[in-house]
Amino acid sequence: MEIKTKLGLRIKAIRETASMSQKDLAYSADLDRSYIASVESGQRNVSIVNIEKIANALGVSVKEFFNDGSFEEKKEL
């Protein structure tokens, strides 16, 4: 799975767990709702600055945000 898709799914999962709408997240992160929608759908390449804004708005650290099994790469020897 492409990293943009993994990132979008992670944002959506945390947002839904927090019972936030895309509009609520966008407002809290000072980003546009359509931007959040395109990130969640894996259509947008997100800057680290915006990842930090989104994580903060979701109430998690950037470390906690990426501390998820879906970001682990399986390396073949």
Protein backbone atom coordinates (compact mmCIF):
# COMPACT_ATOMS: atom_id res chain seq x y z
CA MET A 1 0.00 0.00 0.00
CA GLU A 2 1.28 3.47 -0.86
CA ILE A 3 2.46 5.64 2.05
CA LYS A 4 -0.02 8.42 1.17
CA THR A 5 -2.86 5.93 1.49
CA LYS A 6 -1.53 4.57 4.81
CA LEU A 7 -1.21 8.11 6.16
CA GLY A 8 -4.74 9.01 5.09
CA LEU A 9 -6.23 5.90 6.63
CA ARG A 10 -4.37 6.57 9.89
CA ILE A 11 -5.67 10.15 10.06
CA LYS A 12 -9.21 8.99 9.34
CA ALA A 13 -9.04 6.25 11.99
CA ILE A 14 -7.79 8.60 14.70
CA ARG A 15 -10.29 11.29 13.67
CA GLU A 16 -13.22 8.88 13.80
CA THR A 17 -12.07 7.50 17.17
CA ALA A 18 -12.07 11.08 18.44
CA SER A 19 -15.59 11.56 17.01
CA MET A 20 -14.42 14.48 14.88
CA SER A 21 -15.72 15.43 11.46
CA GLN A 22 -13.37 16.44 8.68
CA LYS A 23 -14.64 19.99 9.19
CA ASP A 24 -13.77 19.87 12.91
CA LEU A 25 -10.29 18.54 12.18
CA ALA A 26 -9.69 21.12 9.47
CA TYR A 27 -10.72 23.94 11.80
CA SER A 28 -8.55 22.68 14.67
CA ALA A 29 -5.54 22.17 12.38
CA ASP A 30 -6.08 25.49 10.55
CA LEU A 31 -6.38 23.67 7.22
CA ASP A 32 -9.12 23.50 4.59
CA ARG A 33 -11.73 20.71 4.84
CA SER A 34 -11.14 19.73 1.20
CA TYR A 35 -7.42 19.41 2.01
CA ILE A 36 -8.22 16.99 4.86
CA ALA A 37 -10.51 15.01 2.54
CA SER A 38 -7.80 14.70 -0.12
CA VAL A 39 -5.22 13.65 2.50
CA GLU A 40 -7.53 11.00 3.93
CA SER A 41 -8.19 9.60 0.47
CA GLY A 42 -4.45 9.36 -0.25
CA GLN A 43 -4.54 11.90 -3.07
CA ARG A 44 -2.24 14.46 -1.49
CA ASN A 45 1.40 14.42 -0.49
CA VAL A 46 1.44 15.94 3.02
CA SER A 47 4.26 18.06 4.39
CA ILE A 48 5.72 17.27 7.80
CA VAL A 49 4.47 20.68 8.98
CA ASN A 50 0.89 19.72 8.13
CA ILE A 51 1.33 16.25 9.64
CA GLU A 52 2.29 17.97 12.90
CA LYS A 53 -0.74 20.31 12.66
CA ILE A 54 -3.06 17.36 12.06
CA ALA A 55 -1.53 15.26 14.87
CA ASN A 56 -1.82 18.17 17.31
CA ALA A 57 -5.43 18.78 16.29
CA LEU A 58 -6.15 15.09 16.88
CA GLY A 59 -4.53 15.27 20.31
CA VAL A 60 -1.64 12.91 19.56
CA SER A 61 2.09 13.43 19.20
CA VAL A 62 3.76 12.91 15.84
CA LYS A 63 5.58 9.91 17.35
CA GLU A 64 2.29 8.42 18.56
CA PHE A 65 0.73 9.15 15.17
CA PHE A 66 3.33 7.02 13.37
CA ASN A 67 3.48 4.39 16.12
CA ASP A 68 1.19 2.09 14.19
CA GLY A 69 1.87 -1.27 12.57
CA SER A 70 0.66 -0.08 9.18
CA PHE A 71 3.81 2.04 8.76
CA GLU A 72 6.23 -0.83 9.31
CA GLU A 73 8.08 -1.92 6.20
CA LYS A 74 8.69 -5.59 5.70
CA LYS A 75 12.24 -5.98 4.49
CA GLU A 76 13.37 -9.04 2.65
CA LEU A 77 16.89 -10.27 3.26
